[in-house]
């Protein structure tokens, strides 16, 4: 019996301390895109940080989406496998959605560039919680379970729907 329908989310941060080719690609491609796309918000190069641009113009927040478009091919190459979340058998958990967010960036300092990608799984069935382990299955494959360890980086998204009961 299912306890709940949930999604799992986890963030992966990208900064100048990249370790893998994927991380380097995301870091460098998003910084290059930030340099190109932020020019209209930099007010003739008077503003150089993402925070300053946001303070001066709310539309600077669209840079999040613009930077995401620049790395869509890199994200697609993951084949829906979350690179930072595996089950206890070391199989990657799948994602349906990946959303890029700019934490910091500076046109004058590439080392200050920090972005994250939040990966969100498809709907999962939560069958049981045993200690710090979640026993789950994908909705379409309810008979195949996966076990994921709860960590501080893992977010469990639970949406409860109220049903009206008529008597």
Protein backbone atom coordinates (compact mmCIF):
# COMPACT_ATOMS: atom_id res chain seq x y z
CA UNK A 1 0.00 0.00 0.00
CA UNK A 2 1.26 3.46 -0.87
CA UNK A 3 1.85 6.01 1.87
CA UNK A 4 1.90 8.97 -0.53
CA UNK A 5 2.69 10.23 -4.00
CA UNK A 6 5.82 12.37 -3.91
CA UNK A 7 8.59 13.92 -5.98
CA UNK A 8 12.22 14.19 -4.99
CA UNK A 9 14.28 17.30 -5.68
CA UNK A 10 17.99 17.88 -5.31
CA UNK A 11 20.24 20.82 -6.20
CA UNK A 12 23.61 20.67 -7.86
CA UNK A 13 25.79 23.75 -7.53
CA UNK A 14 28.30 24.89 -10.15
CA UNK A 15 31.17 27.25 -9.38
CA UNK A 16 34.80 27.67 -10.36
CA UNK A 17 35.74 24.50 -8.42
CA UNK A 18 34.33 22.17 -11.10
CA UNK A 19 35.29 18.49 -10.85
CA UNK A 20 33.63 16.82 -13.83
CA UNK A 21 33.34 17.65 -17.52
CA UNK A 22 29.61 18.20 -17.08
CA UNK A 23 30.18 20.69 -14.25
CA UNK A 24 32.83 22.55 -16.27
CA UNK A 25 30.53 22.75 -19.29
CA UNK A 26 27.65 24.15 -17.22
CA UNK A 27 29.91 26.64 -15.42
CA UNK A 28 31.67 27.96 -18.53
CA UNK A 29 28.62 27.95 -20.83
CA UNK A 30 26.41 29.79 -18.34
CA UNK A 31 29.10 32.38 -17.61
CA UNK A 32 29.65 33.01 -21.31
CA UNK A 33 25.90 33.41 -21.78
CA UNK A 34 25.72 35.71 -18.74
CA UNK A 35 28.37 37.94 -20.32
CA UNK A 36 26.37 38.16 -23.56
CA UNK A 37 22.84 38.44 -22.18
CA UNK A 38 23.46 40.76 -19.23
CA UNK A 39 24.71 43.68 -21.32
CA UNK A 40 21.24 45.20 -21.59
CA UNK A 41 20.94 45.20 -17.77
CA UNK A 42 24.43 46.51 -16.98
CA UNK A 43 23.52 50.16 -17.71
CA UNK A 44 26.51 50.96 -19.89
CA UNK A 45 28.77 48.77 -17.76
CA UNK A 46 28.01 50.61 -14.51
CA UNK A 47 26.49 47.44 -13.02
CA UNK A 48 28.53 44.28 -13.10
CA UNK A 49 26.94 41.82 -10.63
CA UNK A 50 23.72 39.89 -11.11
CA UNK A 51 22.45 41.26 -7.77
CA UNK A 52 23.00 44.87 -8.90
CA UNK A 53 21.20 44.16 -12.16
CA UNK A 54 18.24 42.64 -10.30
CA UNK A 55 18.03 45.66 -7.99
CA UNK A 56 18.03 48.07 -10.95
CA UNK A 57 15.63 46.09 -13.17
CA UNK A 58 13.26 43.26 -12.25
CA UNK A 59 13.51 41.94 -15.80
CA UNK A 60 17.09 40.87 -15.07
CA UNK A 61 15.53 37.77 -13.48
CA UNK A 62 14.86 36.51 -17.01
CA UNK A 63 18.59 35.78 -17.17
CA UNK A 64 17.83 32.57 -15.25
CA UNK A 65 15.83 31.26 -18.21
CA UNK A 66 18.23 32.63 -20.81
CA UNK A 67 21.15 30.86 -19.15
CA UNK A 68 19.14 27.65 -18.91
CA UNK A 69 18.55 27.70 -22.66
CA UNK A 70 22.31 27.84 -23.20
CA UNK A 71 22.84 24.51 -21.41
CA UNK A 72 19.76 22.57 -22.50
CA UNK A 73 21.84 20.25 -24.69
CA UNK A 74 24.16 19.46 -21.76
CA UNK A 75 21.18 18.72 -19.53
CA UNK A 76 19.58 16.57 -22.25
CA UNK A 77 22.82 14.57 -22.48
CA UNK A 78 22.15 13.37 -18.91
CA UNK A 79 19.30 11.27 -20.36
CA UNK A 80 17.02 12.20 -17.43
CA UNK A 81 19.47 10.75 -14.87
CA UNK A 82 20.16 12.96 -11.85
CA UNK A 83 23.97 13.13 -11.58
CA UNK A 84 23.95 13.76 -7.82
CA UNK A 85 21.27 11.31 -6.63
CA UNK A 86 21.52 7.53 -6.74
CA UNK A 87 19.56 4.78 -5.05
CA UNK A 88 21.39 2.45 -2.64
CA UNK A 89 22.25 0.13 -5.55
CA UNK A 90 24.05 3.09 -7.19
CA UNK A 91 21.49 3.52 -10.01
CA UNK A 92 20.72 7.17 -10.80
CA UNK A 93 17.28 8.46 -9.90
CA UNK A 94 15.48 9.91 -12.93
CA UNK A 95 14.33 13.51 -13.34
CA UNK A 96 11.44 15.06 -15.27
CA UNK A 97 12.40 18.66 -14.74
CA UNK A 98 15.69 20.56 -14.40
CA UNK A 99 15.66 24.25 -13.50
CA UNK A 100 18.70 26.52 -13.55
CA UNK A 101 19.07 29.37 -11.04
CA UNK A 102 21.74 32.07 -10.85
CA UNK A 103 23.01 32.62 -7.31
CA UNK A 104 25.75 35.06 -8.14
CA UNK A 105 27.62 36.32 -11.14
CA UNK A 106 29.98 39.17 -11.87
CA UNK A 107 31.03 40.48 -15.27
CA UNK A 108 34.42 41.43 -13.78
CA UNK A 109 35.10 38.22 -11.87
CA UNK A 110 34.38 34.77 -13.35
CA UNK A 111 35.28 33.10 -10.03
CA UNK A 112 32.19 34.74 -8.47
CA UNK A 113 29.86 32.95 -10.91
CA UNK A 114 27.63 30.42 -9.12
CA UNK A 115 24.59 28.68 -10.59
CA UNK A 116 22.55 25.67 -9.56
CA UNK A 117 20.33 23.16 -11.27
CA UNK A 118 17.40 21.75 -9.33
CA UNK A 119 16.43 18.31 -10.59
CA UNK A 120 12.91 17.09 -9.81
CA UNK A 121 11.90 13.46 -10.20
CA UNK A 122 8.72 12.28 -11.87
CA UNK A 123 5.88 11.25 -9.58
CA UNK A 124 6.99 8.51 -7.21
CA UNK A 125 5.01 6.22 -4.95
CA UNK A 126 6.29 6.23 -1.38
CA UNK A 127 5.75 2.70 -0.08
CA UNK A 128 7.59 2.81 3.21
CA UNK A 129 10.10 4.76 5.31
CA UNK A 130 12.67 2.62 7.13
CA UNK A 131 15.04 4.71 9.23
CA UNK A 132 16.67 7.13 6.77
CA UNK A 133 15.62 5.14 3.69
CA UNK A 134 12.69 5.82 1.38
CA UNK A 135 11.25 2.80 -0.41
CA UNK A 136 9.83 4.13 -3.65
CA UNK A 137 8.67 3.18 -7.11
CA UNK A 138 8.00 5.11 -10.26
CA UNK A 139 4.25 5.48 -10.83
CA UNK A 140 4.41 3.64 -14.15
CA UNK A 141 6.49 0.80 -12.65
CA UNK A 142 4.90 0.29 -9.24
CA UNK A 143 6.25 -3.28 -9.03
CA UNK A 144 9.93 -2.17 -9.34
CA UNK A 145 11.13 -0.51 -6.15
CA UNK A 146 14.11 1.71 -5.52
CA UNK A 147 15.55 2.67 -2.15
CA UNK A 148 16.90 6.19 -1.64
CA UNK A 149 18.79 7.39 1.41
CA UNK A 150 17.52 10.64 2.95
CA UNK A 151 20.27 13.27 2.99
CA UNK A 152 20.35 16.96 3.91
CA UNK A 153 20.42 17.85 0.18
CA UNK A 154 17.29 15.85 -0.67
CA UNK A 155 13.93 17.57 -0.68
CA UNK A 156 10.73 15.52 -0.59
CA UNK A 157 7.81 17.26 -2.29
CA UNK A 158 4.42 16.09 -1.11
CA UNK A 159 1.20 17.56 -2.36
CA UNK A 160 -1.95 16.62 -0.55
CA UNK A 161 -5.21 16.98 -2.42
CA UNK A 162 -8.36 17.43 -0.40
CA UNK A 163 -11.30 15.39 -1.62
CA UNK A 164 -14.85 16.37 -0.85
CA UNK A 165 -16.88 13.59 0.65
CA UNK A 166 -20.63 13.64 0.05
CA UNK A 167 -22.98 11.82 2.31
